[in-house]
C-alpha atoms as a PDB file:
ATOM      1  CA  MET A   1      78.413 176.914 116.572  1.00  0.00           C
ATOM      2  CA  ARG A   2      78.719 173.135 117.388  1.00  0.00           C
ATOM      3  CA  SER A   3      77.188 170.786 114.388  1.00  0.00           C
ATOM      4  CA  GLU A   4      78.296 167.298 113.172  1.00  0.00           C
ATOM      5  CA  PHE A   5      78.979 166.766 109.577  1.00  0.00           C
ATOM      6  CA  PRO A   6      79.485 164.124 107.681  1.00  0.00           C
ATOM      7  CA  GLN A   7      82.838 163.948 105.397  1.00  0.00           C
ATOM      8  CA  THR A   8      82.862 161.266 102.739  1.00  0.00           C
ATOM      9  CA  VAL A   9      85.949 159.996 101.114  1.00  0.00           C
ATOM     10  CA  ASP A  10      85.269 157.240  98.629  1.00  0.00           C
ATOM     11  CA  GLY A  11      82.537 156.214  99.889  1.00  0.00           C
ATOM     12  CA  PHE A  12      83.049 156.210 103.416  1.00  0.00           C
ATOM     13  CA  ALA A  13      81.642 158.780 106.176  1.00  0.00           C
ATOM     14  CA  LEU A  14      84.372 160.221 108.709  1.00  0.00           C
ATOM     15  CA  ARG A  15      81.988 161.791 111.572  1.00  0.00           C
ATOM     16  CA  CYS A  16      83.679 164.942 113.068  1.00  0.00           C
ATOM     17  CA  VAL A  17      82.222 167.812 115.542  1.00  0.00           C
ATOM     18  CA  ARG A  18      83.048 171.469 114.618  1.00  0.00           C
ATOM     19  CA  SER A  19      82.361 173.992 116.718  1.00  0.00           C
ATOM     20  CA  PHE A  20      83.199 177.169 114.880  1.00  0.00           C
ATOM     21  CA  SER A  21      82.877 177.584 110.746  1.00  0.00           C
ATOM     22  CA  ALA A  22      85.822 177.546 108.788  1.00  0.00           C
ATOM     23  CA  PRO A  23      85.955 181.376 107.612  1.00  0.00           C
ATOM     24  CA  PHE A  24      85.765 181.723 111.358  1.00  0.00           C
ATOM     25  CA  ALA A  25      88.677 180.028 111.735  1.00  0.00           C
ATOM     26  CA  LEU A  26      90.971 181.572 109.651  1.00  0.00           C
ATOM     27  CA  LEU A  27      89.540 185.265 110.942  1.00  0.00           C
ATOM     28  CA  VAL A  28      90.873 184.099 114.163  1.00  0.00           C
ATOM     29  CA  GLY A  29      94.041 182.235 113.484  1.00  0.00           C
ATOM     30  CA  LEU A  30      92.738 178.516 114.278  1.00  0.00           C
ATOM     31  CA  PRO A  31      94.370 175.783 112.649  1.00  0.00           C
ATOM     32  CA  LEU A  32      91.432 174.269 110.133  1.00  0.00           C
ATOM     33  CA  ILE A  33      92.523 170.459 110.837  1.00  0.00           C
ATOM     34  CA  LEU A  34      90.618 168.103 107.245  1.00  0.00           C
ATOM     35  CA  CYS A  35      88.853 164.408 107.776  1.00  0.00           C
ATOM     36  CA  ALA A  36      90.158 161.705 105.969  1.00  0.00           C
ATOM     37  CA  CYS A  37      89.511 158.373 105.662  1.00  0.00           C
ATOM     38  CA  SER A  38      91.269 154.734 104.830  1.00  0.00           C
ATOM     39  CA  SER A  39      91.098 151.004 104.720  1.00  0.00           C
ATOM     40  CA  ALA A  40      93.912 149.303 106.014  1.00  0.00           C
ATOM     41  CA  VAL A  41      97.491 149.748 105.412  1.00  0.00           C
ATOM     42  CA  ASP A  42      99.944 147.034 105.798  1.00  0.00           C
ATOM     43  CA  GLU A  43     101.606 147.907 109.520  1.00  0.00           C
ATOM     44  CA  GLY A  44     101.645 144.682 111.129  1.00  0.00           C
ATOM     45  CA  SER A  45      99.261 143.386 113.281  1.00  0.00           C
ATOM     46  CA  PRO A  46      97.047 145.599 115.355  1.00  0.00           C
ATOM     47  CA  GLY A  47      96.101 142.375 118.167  1.00  0.00           C
ATOM     48  CA  VAL A  48      94.810 142.555 121.479  1.00  0.00           C
ATOM     49  CA  SER A  49      96.563 143.734 123.974  1.00  0.00           C
ATOM     50  CA  ALA A  50      96.055 141.837 127.517  1.00  0.00           C
ATOM     51  CA  ALA A  51      95.899 144.457 130.718  1.00  0.00           C
ATOM     52  CA  GLY A  52      99.019 145.455 131.779  1.00  0.00           C
ATOM     53  CA  GLY A  53     100.588 144.681 128.169  1.00  0.00           C
ATOM     54  CA  ALA A  54     101.271 142.081 126.044  1.00  0.00           C
ATOM     55  CA  ALA A  55     104.370 140.355 124.032  1.00  0.00           C
ATOM     56  CA  ALA A  56     105.355 142.585 120.847  1.00  0.00           C
ATOM     57  CA  GLY A  57     104.827 141.364 117.720  1.00  0.00           C
ATOM     58  CA  ASP A  58     102.335 138.334 119.525  1.00  0.00           C
ATOM     59  CA  GLY A  59      98.910 140.291 119.823  1.00  0.00           C
ATOM     60  CA  GLY A  60      99.710 143.473 121.399  1.00  0.00           C
ATOM     61  CA  LEU A  61     101.695 146.716 120.536  1.00  0.00           C
ATOM     62  CA  PRO A  62     104.357 146.341 117.663  1.00  0.00           C
ATOM     63  CA  ALA A  63     108.019 146.301 119.151  1.00  0.00           C
ATOM     64  CA  ALA A  64     108.805 150.041 119.579  1.00  0.00           C
ATOM     65  CA  GLY A  65     111.693 151.105 116.705  1.00  0.00           C
ATOM     66  CA  SER A  66     110.411 147.776 114.428  1.00  0.00           C
ATOM     67  CA  GLY A  67     108.405 148.236 111.230  1.00  0.00           C
ATOM     68  CA  ALA A  68     105.268 147.135 112.252  1.00  0.00           C
ATOM     69  CA  MET A  69     104.678 150.724 113.325  1.00  0.00           C
ATOM     70  CA  GLU A  70     104.292 152.108 110.028  1.00  0.00           C
ATOM     71  CA  ASP A  71     102.316 155.361 109.619  1.00  0.00           C
ATOM     72  CA  PRO A  72     100.103 155.344 107.012  1.00  0.00           C
ATOM     73  CA  ALA A  73     101.083 158.940 105.369  1.00  0.00           C
ATOM     74  CA  SER A  74     104.371 156.563 104.825  1.00  0.00           C
ATOM     75  CA  ALA A  75     103.077 153.663 103.152  1.00  0.00           C
ATOM     76  CA  GLY A  76     101.391 153.659  99.845  1.00  0.00           C
ATOM     77  CA  THR A  77      99.379 156.226 100.689  1.00  0.00           C
ATOM     78  CA  SER A  78      97.365 158.435  97.951  1.00  0.00           C
ATOM     79  CA  ASN A  79      96.488 162.024  99.087  1.00  0.00           C
ATOM     80  CA  MET A  80      93.081 163.767  98.676  1.00  0.00           C
ATOM     81  CA  GLY A  81      94.975 166.607  97.112  1.00  0.00           C
ATOM     82  CA  SER A  82      95.680 170.012  98.466  1.00  0.00           C
ATOM     83  CA  ALA A  83      93.585 172.059 100.858  1.00  0.00           C
ATOM     84  CA  GLY A  84      92.178 175.342  99.773  1.00  0.00           C
ATOM     85  CA  THR A  85      94.829 177.831 100.842  1.00  0.00           C
ATOM     86  CA  ALA A  86      93.312 180.674 102.418  1.00  0.00           C
ATOM     87  CA  SER A  87      94.442 184.415 101.766  1.00  0.00           C
ATOM     88  CA  SER A  88      94.923 186.564 104.987  1.00  0.00           C
ATOM     89  CA  GLY A  89      91.412 187.067 106.521  1.00  0.00           C
ATOM     90  CA  GLY A  90      89.914 185.366 103.304  1.00  0.00           C
ATOM     91  CA  ALA A  91      86.226 183.639 103.784  1.00  0.00           C
ATOM     92  CA  THR A  92      86.412 180.819 101.532  1.00  0.00           C
ATOM     93  CA  GLY A  93      88.243 178.169 103.827  1.00  0.00           C
ATOM     94  CA  GLY A  94      87.367 174.705 103.258  1.00  0.00           C
ATOM     95  CA  ALA A  95      89.449 171.864 100.938  1.00  0.00           C
ATOM     96  CA  SER A  96      88.762 170.942  97.895  1.00  0.00           C
ATOM     97  CA  SER A  97      89.425 166.997  97.832  1.00  0.00           C
ATOM     98  CA  GLY A  98      91.693 166.112  94.527  1.00  0.00           C
ATOM     99  CA  SER A  99      90.249 163.740  92.565  1.00  0.00           C
ATOM    100  CA  SER A 100      92.433 160.895  93.503  1.00  0.00           C
ATOM    101  CA  GLY A 101      91.564 158.411  96.047  1.00  0.00           C
ATOM    102  CA  ALA A 102      92.714 155.535  97.969  1.00  0.00           C
ATOM    103  CA  SER A 103      92.926 151.802  95.938  1.00  0.00           C
ATOM    104  CA  ALA A 104      91.495 149.116  97.717  1.00  0.00           C
ATOM    105  CA  GLY A 105      93.816 147.933 100.699  1.00  0.00           C
ATOM    106  CA  GLY A 106      95.448 151.877 100.098  1.00  0.00           C
ATOM    107  CA  THR A 107      95.357 154.815 102.796  1.00  0.00           C
ATOM    108  CA  THR A 108      93.777 158.110 102.417  1.00  0.00           C
ATOM    109  CA  ALA A 109      95.719 160.890 103.902  1.00  0.00           C
ATOM    110  CA  MET A 110      94.586 164.266 104.377  1.00  0.00           C
ATOM    111  CA  GLY A 111      96.760 166.560 102.620  1.00  0.00           C
ATOM    112  CA  GLY A 112      96.613 170.510 103.055  1.00  0.00           C
ATOM    113  CA  THR A 113      97.679 173.502 105.206  1.00  0.00           C
ATOM    114  CA  THR A 114      96.678 174.930 108.614  1.00  0.00           C
ATOM    115  CA  ALA A 115      96.602 178.596 108.586  1.00  0.00           C
ATOM    116  CA  MET A 116     100.510 179.722 110.473  1.00  0.00           C
ATOM    117  CA  GLY A 117     100.558 182.103 113.477  1.00  0.00           C
ATOM    118  CA  GLY A 118     103.373 183.442 114.630  1.00  0.00           C
ATOM    119  CA  ALA A 119     105.308 182.159 117.770  1.00  0.00           C
ATOM    120  CA  THR A 120     103.477 182.671 120.492  1.00  0.00           C
ATOM    121  CA  ALA A 121     104.976 183.040 124.323  1.00  0.00           C
ATOM    122  CA  THR A 122     103.540 181.422 127.255  1.00  0.00           C
ATOM    123  CA  GLY A 123     102.249 183.638 129.475  1.00  0.00           C
ATOM    124  CA  GLY A 124     101.141 183.797 132.701  1.00  0.00           C
ATOM    125  CA  THR A 125     102.785 183.253 136.265  1.00  0.00           C
ATOM    126  CA  THR A 126     103.912 180.159 137.758  1.00  0.00           C
ATOM    127  CA  ALA A 127     104.406 178.603 141.521  1.00  0.00           C
ATOM    128  CA  THR A 128     106.718 175.969 142.504  1.00  0.00           C
ATOM    129  CA  GLY A 129     104.854 172.821 142.536  1.00  0.00           C
ATOM    130  CA  GLY A 130     105.609 169.657 144.263  1.00  0.00           C
ATOM    131  CA  MET A 131     107.740 167.219 143.310  1.00  0.00           C
ATOM    132  CA  GLY A 132     109.914 169.529 141.837  1.00  0.00           C
ATOM    133  CA  GLY A 133     107.780 170.161 138.624  1.00  0.00           C
ATOM    134  CA  ALA A 134     106.454 174.120 138.098  1.00  0.00           C
ATOM    135  CA  VAL A 135     102.891 174.295 138.391  1.00  0.00           C
ATOM    136  CA  GLU A 136     100.073 177.367 137.248  1.00  0.00           C
ATOM    137  CA  ALA A 137      98.923 179.626 139.856  1.00  0.00           C
ATOM    138  CA  GLY A 138      96.300 178.387 141.471  1.00  0.00           C
ATOM    139  CA  GLY A 139      96.959 174.373 139.918  1.00  0.00           C
ATOM    140  CA  ALA A 140      97.973 170.947 141.790  1.00  0.00           C
ATOM    141  CA  VAL A 141      99.155 167.834 141.026  1.00  0.00           C
ATOM    142  CA  GLY A 142      97.280 165.018 141.899  1.00  0.00           C
ATOM    143  CA  MET A 143      97.961 161.227 141.849  1.00  0.00           C
ATOM    144  CA  GLY A 144      97.985 160.840 138.199  1.00  0.00           C
ATOM    145  CA  GLY A 145      95.933 163.540 137.623  1.00  0.00           C
ATOM    146  CA  SER A 146      96.283 167.343 137.202  1.00  0.00           C
ATOM    147  CA  VAL A 147      94.311 170.307 138.297  1.00  0.00           C
ATOM    148  CA  GLY A 148      95.098 173.349 136.186  1.00  0.00           C
ATOM    149  CA  VAL A 149      98.745 172.214 135.261  1.00  0.00           C
ATOM    150  CA  THR A 150      98.633 173.555 131.674  1.00  0.00           C
ATOM    151  CA  SER A 151     102.306 174.578 131.347  1.00  0.00           C
ATOM    152  CA  CYS A 152     105.619 174.222 132.724  1.00  0.00           C
ATOM    153  CA  SER A 153     108.090 177.062 132.312  1.00  0.00           C
ATOM    154  CA  SER A 154     110.621 175.743 132.704  1.00  0.00           C
ATOM    155  CA  LEU A 155     110.851 173.178 130.235  1.00  0.00           C
ATOM    156  CA  THR A 156     110.267 175.732 127.974  1.00  0.00           C
ATOM    157  CA  ASP A 157     111.751 178.656 128.267  1.00  0.00           C
ATOM    158  CA  GLY A 158     114.579 179.512 125.409  1.00  0.00           C
ATOM    159  CA  TRP A 159     112.226 177.492 123.045  1.00  0.00           C
ATOM    160  CA  THR A 160     110.501 178.958 119.920  1.00  0.00           C
ATOM    161  CA  GLN A 161     106.974 177.702 119.282  1.00  0.00           C
ATOM    162  CA  TYR A 162     105.999 176.678 115.811  1.00  0.00           C
ATOM    163  CA  LYS A 163     102.689 176.082 114.037  1.00  0.00           C
ATOM    164  CA  PRO A 164     102.973 173.179 112.337  1.00  0.00           C
ATOM    165  CA  THR A 165     100.502 172.068 109.481  1.00  0.00           C
ATOM    166  CA  ILE A 166      98.087 169.007 111.224  1.00  0.00           C
ATOM    167  CA  SER A 167      96.275 166.309 109.424  1.00  0.00           C
ATOM    168  CA  LEU A 168      94.029 163.747 110.651  1.00  0.00           C
ATOM    169  CA  GLN A 169      94.329 160.595 109.790  1.00  0.00           C
ATOM    170  CA  CYS A 170      91.446 157.628 110.444  1.00  0.00           C
ATOM    171  CA  GLU A 171      92.047 154.046 109.492  1.00  0.00           C
ATOM    172  CA  GLY A 172      90.432 150.941 109.809  1.00  0.00           C
ATOM    173  CA  GLY A 173      87.089 151.902 108.479  1.00  0.00           C
ATOM    174  CA  ALA A 174      85.272 155.911 108.735  1.00  0.00           C
ATOM    175  CA  ALA A 175      82.041 154.320 110.417  1.00  0.00           C
ATOM    176  CA  PHE A 176      84.621 153.817 113.201  1.00  0.00           C
ATOM    177  CA  CYS A 177      86.191 156.786 113.529  1.00  0.00           C
ATOM    178  CA  THR A 178      84.629 159.923 115.512  1.00  0.00           C
ATOM    179  CA  TYR A 179      86.454 163.074 115.692  1.00  0.00           C
ATOM    180  CA  GLY A 180      85.229 166.360 117.325  1.00  0.00           C
ATOM    181  CA  LYS A 181      86.887 169.822 118.870  1.00  0.00           C
ATOM    182  CA  VAL A 182      84.679 171.752 120.884  1.00  0.00           C
ATOM    183  CA  ASP A 183      86.025 174.892 123.463  1.00  0.00           C
ATOM    184  CA  GLY A 184      89.361 173.599 122.668  1.00  0.00           C
ATOM    185  CA  ILE A 185      89.403 170.242 123.212  1.00  0.00           C
ATOM    186  CA  GLU A 186      89.869 167.505 120.808  1.00  0.00           C
ATOM    187  CA  SER A 187      88.142 164.233 120.855  1.00  0.00           C
ATOM    188  CA  PHE A 188      89.197 161.212 118.849  1.00  0.00           C
ATOM    189  CA  LYS A 189      87.176 157.952 119.445  1.00  0.00           C
ATOM    190  CA  ILE A 190      87.328 154.688 117.330  1.00  0.00           C
ATOM    191  CA  THR A 191      85.106 151.650 118.226  1.00  0.00           C
ATOM    192  CA  LYS A 192      86.007 147.955 117.688  1.00  0.00           C
ATOM    193  CA  ASN A 193      85.586 147.021 113.748  1.00  0.00           C
ATOM    194  CA  PRO A 194      84.773 143.068 113.956  1.00  0.00           C
ATOM    195  CA  ALA A 195      86.699 142.825 110.755  1.00  0.00           C
ATOM    196  CA  ASN A 196      90.047 143.405 113.455  1.00  0.00           C
ATOM    197  CA  VAL A 197      91.408 145.345 111.342  1.00  0.00           C
ATOM    198  CA  ARG A 198      94.341 147.775 112.576  1.00  0.00           C
ATOM    199  CA  GLN A 199      92.698 150.942 113.407  1.00  0.00           C
ATOM    200  CA  ARG A 200      93.796 154.554 114.472  1.00  0.00           C
ATOM    201  CA  LEU A 201      92.678 158.134 114.464  1.00  0.00           C
ATOM    202  CA  GLU A 202      95.285 160.332 114.861  1.00  0.00           C
ATOM    203  CA  ASN A 203      96.705 164.056 114.316  1.00  0.00           C
ATOM    204  CA  ARG A 204      99.393 163.327 112.099  1.00  0.00           C
ATOM    205  CA  VAL A 205     102.022 166.515 112.409  1.00  0.00           C
ATOM    206  CA  HIS A 206     104.131 167.827 109.570  1.00  0.00           C
ATOM    207  CA  ASN A 207     106.960 168.920 112.030  1.00  0.00           C
ATOM    208  CA  ASP A 208     109.625 166.530 110.256  1.00  0.00           C
ATOM    209  CA  TYR A 209     113.062 166.630 111.806  1.00  0.00           C
ATOM    210  CA  LEU A 210     116.355 165.753 111.409  1.00  0.00           C
ATOM    211  CA  THR A 211     118.895 167.539 113.731  1.00  0.00           C
ATOM    212  CA  GLY A 212     118.211 170.058 117.201  1.00  0.00           C
ATOM    213  CA  GLU A 213     115.684 169.752 119.481  1.00  0.00           C
ATOM    214  CA  ASN A 214     111.695 169.550 119.181  1.00  0.00           C
ATOM    215  CA  GLN A 215     109.694 169.412 122.460  1.00  0.00           C
ATOM    216  CA  PHE A 216     105.539 168.296 122.343  1.00  0.00           C
ATOM    217  CA  GLU A 217     103.728 169.949 124.652  1.00  0.00           C
ATOM    218  CA  GLY A 218      99.812 169.364 125.418  1.00  0.00           C
ATOM    219  CA  ASP A 219      97.060 167.958 128.211  1.00  0.00           C
ATOM    220  CA  VAL A 220      95.350 164.470 127.494  1.00  0.00           C
ATOM    221  CA  ARG A 221      92.849 162.656 129.027  1.00  0.00           C
ATOM    222  CA  VAL A 222      92.589 159.537 128.280  1.00  0.00           C
ATOM    223  CA  ILE A 223      88.699 158.016 128.150  1.00  0.00           C
ATOM    224  CA  SER A 224      89.441 154.475 127.378  1.00  0.00           C
ATOM    225  CA  GLY A 225      91.451 152.140 125.561  1.00  0.00           C
ATOM    226  CA  ASP A 226      93.329 148.775 126.397  1.00  0.00           C
ATOM    227  CA  GLY A 227      96.891 148.963 124.726  1.00  0.00           C
ATOM    228  CA  THR A 228      95.671 152.363 123.020  1.00  0.00           C
ATOM    229  CA  CYS A 229      98.339 154.755 122.078  1.00  0.00           C
ATOM    230  CA  VAL A 230      97.781 158.560 122.785  1.00  0.00           C
ATOM    231  CA  HIS A 231     101.035 159.637 121.782  1.00  0.00           C
ATOM    232  CA  GLN A 232     104.152 159.385 119.529  1.00  0.00           C
ATOM    233  CA  VAL A 233     107.447 160.456 118.432  1.00  0.00           C
ATOM    234  CA  PHE A 234     107.119 158.774 115.443  1.00  0.00           C
ATOM    235  CA  LYS A 235     108.456 156.121 115.556  1.00  0.00           C
ATOM    236  CA  PHE A 236     110.079 154.959 118.765  1.00  0.00           C
ATOM    237  CA  LEU A 237     108.226 156.943 121.661  1.00  0.00           C
ATOM    238  CA  MET A 238     104.798 155.779 122.386  1.00  0.00           C
ATOM    239  CA  LEU A 239     102.592 156.784 125.396  1.00  0.00           C
ATOM    240  CA  VAL A 240      99.896 153.988 125.903  1.00  0.00           C
ATOM    241  CA  ALA A 241      97.249 153.629 128.157  1.00  0.00           C
ATOM    242  CA  TYR A 242      96.080 150.415 129.820  1.00  0.00           C
ATOM    243  CA  PRO A 243      92.963 149.830 131.997  1.00  0.00           C
ATOM    244  CA  GLN A 244      93.787 148.545 135.422  1.00  0.00           C
ATOM    245  CA  ASN A 245      95.101 150.586 138.214  1.00  0.00           C
ATOM    246  CA  GLY A 246      92.496 153.411 137.425  1.00  0.00           C
ATOM    247  CA  GLY A 247      94.047 153.305 133.748  1.00  0.00           C
ATOM    248  CA  GLU A 248      98.101 153.634 133.285  1.00  0.00           C
ATOM    249  CA  LEU A 249     100.174 154.823 130.647  1.00  0.00           C
ATOM    250  CA  HIS A 250     103.370 153.671 129.738  1.00  0.00           C
ATOM    251  CA  GLN A 251     106.421 154.234 127.540  1.00  0.00           C
ATOM    252  CA  HIS A 252     104.930 150.944 124.686  1.00  0.00           C
ATOM    253  CA  SER A 253     104.236 148.089 126.582  1.00  0.00           C
ATOM    254  CA  GLY A 254     107.076 148.435 129.014  1.00  0.00           C
ATOM    255  CA  THR A 255     107.979 151.402 131.028  1.00  0.00           C
ATOM    256  CA  PHE A 256     105.654 152.405 133.206  1.00  0.00           C
ATOM    257  CA  LEU A 257     104.974 156.090 133.897  1.00  0.00           C
ATOM    258  CA  ALA A 258     101.849 156.783 135.715  1.00  0.00           C
ATOM    259  CA  ASP A 259      98.680 154.988 136.937  1.00  0.00           C
ATOM    260  CA  HIS A 260      95.053 156.480 138.077  1.00  0.00           C
ATOM    261  CA  VAL A 261      95.347 158.457 134.799  1.00  0.00           C
ATOM    262  CA  PHE A 262      91.557 157.540 132.897  1.00  0.00           C
ATOM    263  CA  ASN A 263      89.194 160.362 133.018  1.00  0.00           C
ATOM    264  CA  LYS A 264      91.421 163.275 134.445  1.00  0.00           C
ATOM    265  CA  TRP A 265      94.075 165.577 132.724  1.00  0.00           C
ATOM    266  CA  VAL A 266      97.920 164.631 132.463  1.00  0.00           C
ATOM    267  CA  HIS A 267     100.002 167.470 131.465  1.00  0.00           C
ATOM    268  CA  VAL A 268     102.797 165.946 128.834  1.00  0.00           C
ATOM    269  CA  ASN A 269     106.177 167.045 127.699  1.00  0.00           C
ATOM    270  CA  THR A 270     108.356 164.880 125.606  1.00  0.00           C
ATOM    271  CA  ILE A 271     111.333 166.577 124.628  1.00  0.00           C
ATOM    272  CA  HIS A 272     113.758 165.056 121.958  1.00  0.00           C
ATOM    273  CA  ASP A 273     117.370 165.816 121.669  1.00  0.00           C
ATOM    274  CA  VAL A 274     118.705 164.227 117.935  1.00  0.00           C
ATOM    275  CA  ASN A 275     122.313 165.254 119.409  1.00  0.00           C
ATOM    276  CA  THR A 276     122.388 163.252 122.243  1.00  0.00           C
ATOM    277  CA  GLY A 277     119.874 160.611 120.773  1.00  0.00           C
ATOM    278  CA  LYS A 278     117.731 160.842 124.518  1.00  0.00           C
ATOM    279  CA  VAL A 279     114.266 161.892 124.945  1.00  0.00           C
ATOM    280  CA  ASP A 280     112.780 162.707 127.928  1.00  0.00           C
ATOM    281  CA  ILE A 281     108.898 162.315 128.962  1.00  0.00           C
ATOM    282  CA  TYR A 282     107.444 164.618 131.594  1.00  0.00           C
ATOM    283  CA  PHE A 283     103.879 164.325 133.608  1.00  0.00           C
ATOM    284  CA  ASP A 284     103.265 167.178 135.525  1.00  0.00           C
ATOM    285  CA  CYS A 285     106.551 169.001 134.940  1.00  0.00           C
ATOM    286  CA  VAL A 286     107.839 165.946 136.605  1.00  0.00           C
ATOM    287  CA  LYS A 287     110.060 163.794 134.475  1.00  0.00           C
ATOM    288  CA  LYS A 288     108.649 160.055 134.196  1.00  0.00           C
ATOM    289  CA  THR A 289     111.808 158.162 131.902  1.00  0.00           C
ATOM    290  CA  THR A 290     114.542 159.265 129.690  1.00  0.00           C
ATOM    291  CA  MET A 291     115.042 156.913 126.477  1.00  0.00           C
ATOM    292  CA  ASN A 292     117.609 156.442 123.925  1.00  0.00           C
ATOM    293  CA  GLN A 293     116.074 157.168 120.050  1.00  0.00           C
ATOM    294  CA  SER A 294     115.570 155.361 117.292  1.00  0.00           C
ATOM    295  CA  ALA A 295     116.365 155.882 113.651  1.00  0.00           C
ATOM    296  CA  PRO A 296     113.967 157.821 112.061  1.00  0.00           C
ATOM    297  CA  SER A 297     111.546 155.562 109.276  1.00  0.00           C
ATOM    298  CA  VAL A 298     110.955 158.309 106.679  1.00  0.00           C
ATOM    299  CA  ALA A 299     114.002 160.270 104.773  1.00  0.00           C
ATOM    300  CA  SER A 300     112.350 163.357 105.828  1.00  0.00           C
ATOM    301  CA  GLY A 301     113.035 162.770 109.710  1.00  0.00           C
ATOM    302  CA  TRP A 302     110.991 161.745 112.959  1.00  0.00           C
ATOM    303  CA  TYR A 303     107.421 163.641 113.592  1.00  0.00           C
ATOM    304  CA  ASN A 304     104.599 163.968 116.689  1.00  0.00           C
ATOM    305  CA  LYS A 305     101.504 162.450 116.466  1.00  0.00           C
ATOM    306  CA  PHE A 306      98.459 162.154 118.844  1.00  0.00           C
ATOM    307  CA  GLY A 307      95.016 160.674 119.194  1.00  0.00           C
ATOM    308  CA  VAL A 308      94.304 156.831 119.216  1.00  0.00           C
ATOM    309  CA  TYR A 309      95.658 154.055 117.571  1.00  0.00           C
ATOM    310  CA  ASN A 310      95.070 150.469 118.291  1.00  0.00           C
ATOM    311  CA  LEU A 311      92.090 149.355 120.765  1.00  0.00           C
ATOM    312  CA  GLY A 312      92.334 146.023 123.056  1.00  0.00           C
ATOM    313  CA  GLY A 313      88.428 146.197 123.943  1.00  0.00           C
ATOM    314  CA  SER A 314      85.178 147.516 122.139  1.00  0.00           C
ATOM    315  CA  GLU A 315      86.292 151.542 122.249  1.00  0.00           C
ATOM    316  CA  ALA A 316      89.252 153.908 122.773  1.00  0.00           C
ATOM    317  CA  GLN A 317      88.942 157.334 123.219  1.00  0.00           C
ATOM    318  CA  SER A 318      91.485 159.988 123.861  1.00  0.00           C
ATOM    319  CA  GLU A 319      90.584 164.256 124.427  1.00  0.00           C
ATOM    320  CA  TRP A 320      93.675 166.434 123.896  1.00  0.00           C
ATOM    321  CA  LYS A 321      93.572 170.586 124.270  1.00  0.00           C
ATOM    322  CA  ASN A 322      96.843 173.278 125.021  1.00  0.00           C
ATOM    323  CA  VAL A 323      98.827 171.399 122.448  1.00  0.00           C
ATOM    324  CA  LYS A 324     101.882 173.261 121.142  1.00  0.00           C
ATOM    325  CA  PHE A 325     104.831 172.737 119.665  1.00  0.00           C
ATOM    326  CA  TYR A 326     108.726 174.304 120.374  1.00  0.00           C
ATOM    327  CA  ARG A 327     112.539 173.839 118.760  1.00  0.00           C
ATOM    328  CA  LYS A 328     115.683 174.430 119.738  1.00  0.00           C
END
């Protein structure tokens, strides 16, 4: 069943959409995602990015690796309390909020755990795709988009899949955040707050790491955005969307990665090797760039985020599906 429901925290109402009940989700092993809303946290100015990017710290996205990209979950946040932990096959579900709320100027982050599954092998046969990429049988690589590319076995073979806890972060006013999940597709949308505060609606993945290799995989469809980040290896890799040329994706406000991507599915893999200090970015199984890592901003290490952060126009929206996490 698809329904809209309000989630109220400290007087704010965050609009969410759910396509199944919490008990059903627990029964079939789907992760529960909790919603939270927040007021602004001092992360630096969100700015308004000009088409093609803007100078860091001067009306555009903050510079990669700078302190301006502080995560609200690590900057004076107060948790809503632990989510109710479901027993195996339990029908309780849902989250019980803690009594502590966010003070003015603070952020309320979602606490809690999601149901954890075991390692899942990626099945399906693959055929060799164009431009050296592996494409799932029946699929084809399009210009800037994809049709049927939902996995890259050449990139994930030999890795162990895992299912970390995920929490949803809304910043800049709950009335301006809309989250939904229907048929496995998560939608993240923010509309412009006239107060000109920093805004985000992102999934914060609790997969913090300091060693080894970590891989993020998923399919993204950018609907709108201008200087809008849709994926992070926090806090140095940022996939940022701009509206020109049918929609472009850049690494931060610099390195061009692809164009004509708006309203098309793009398969994304980002692979971070801590030992070499490098991160590779792949679109539709084709490497787009390699970049150097920056030191982690928190003691627990680096972690992933996806959704929408920052907007230069009236709204920003991205959709994600088939998101998976791997490690070595």
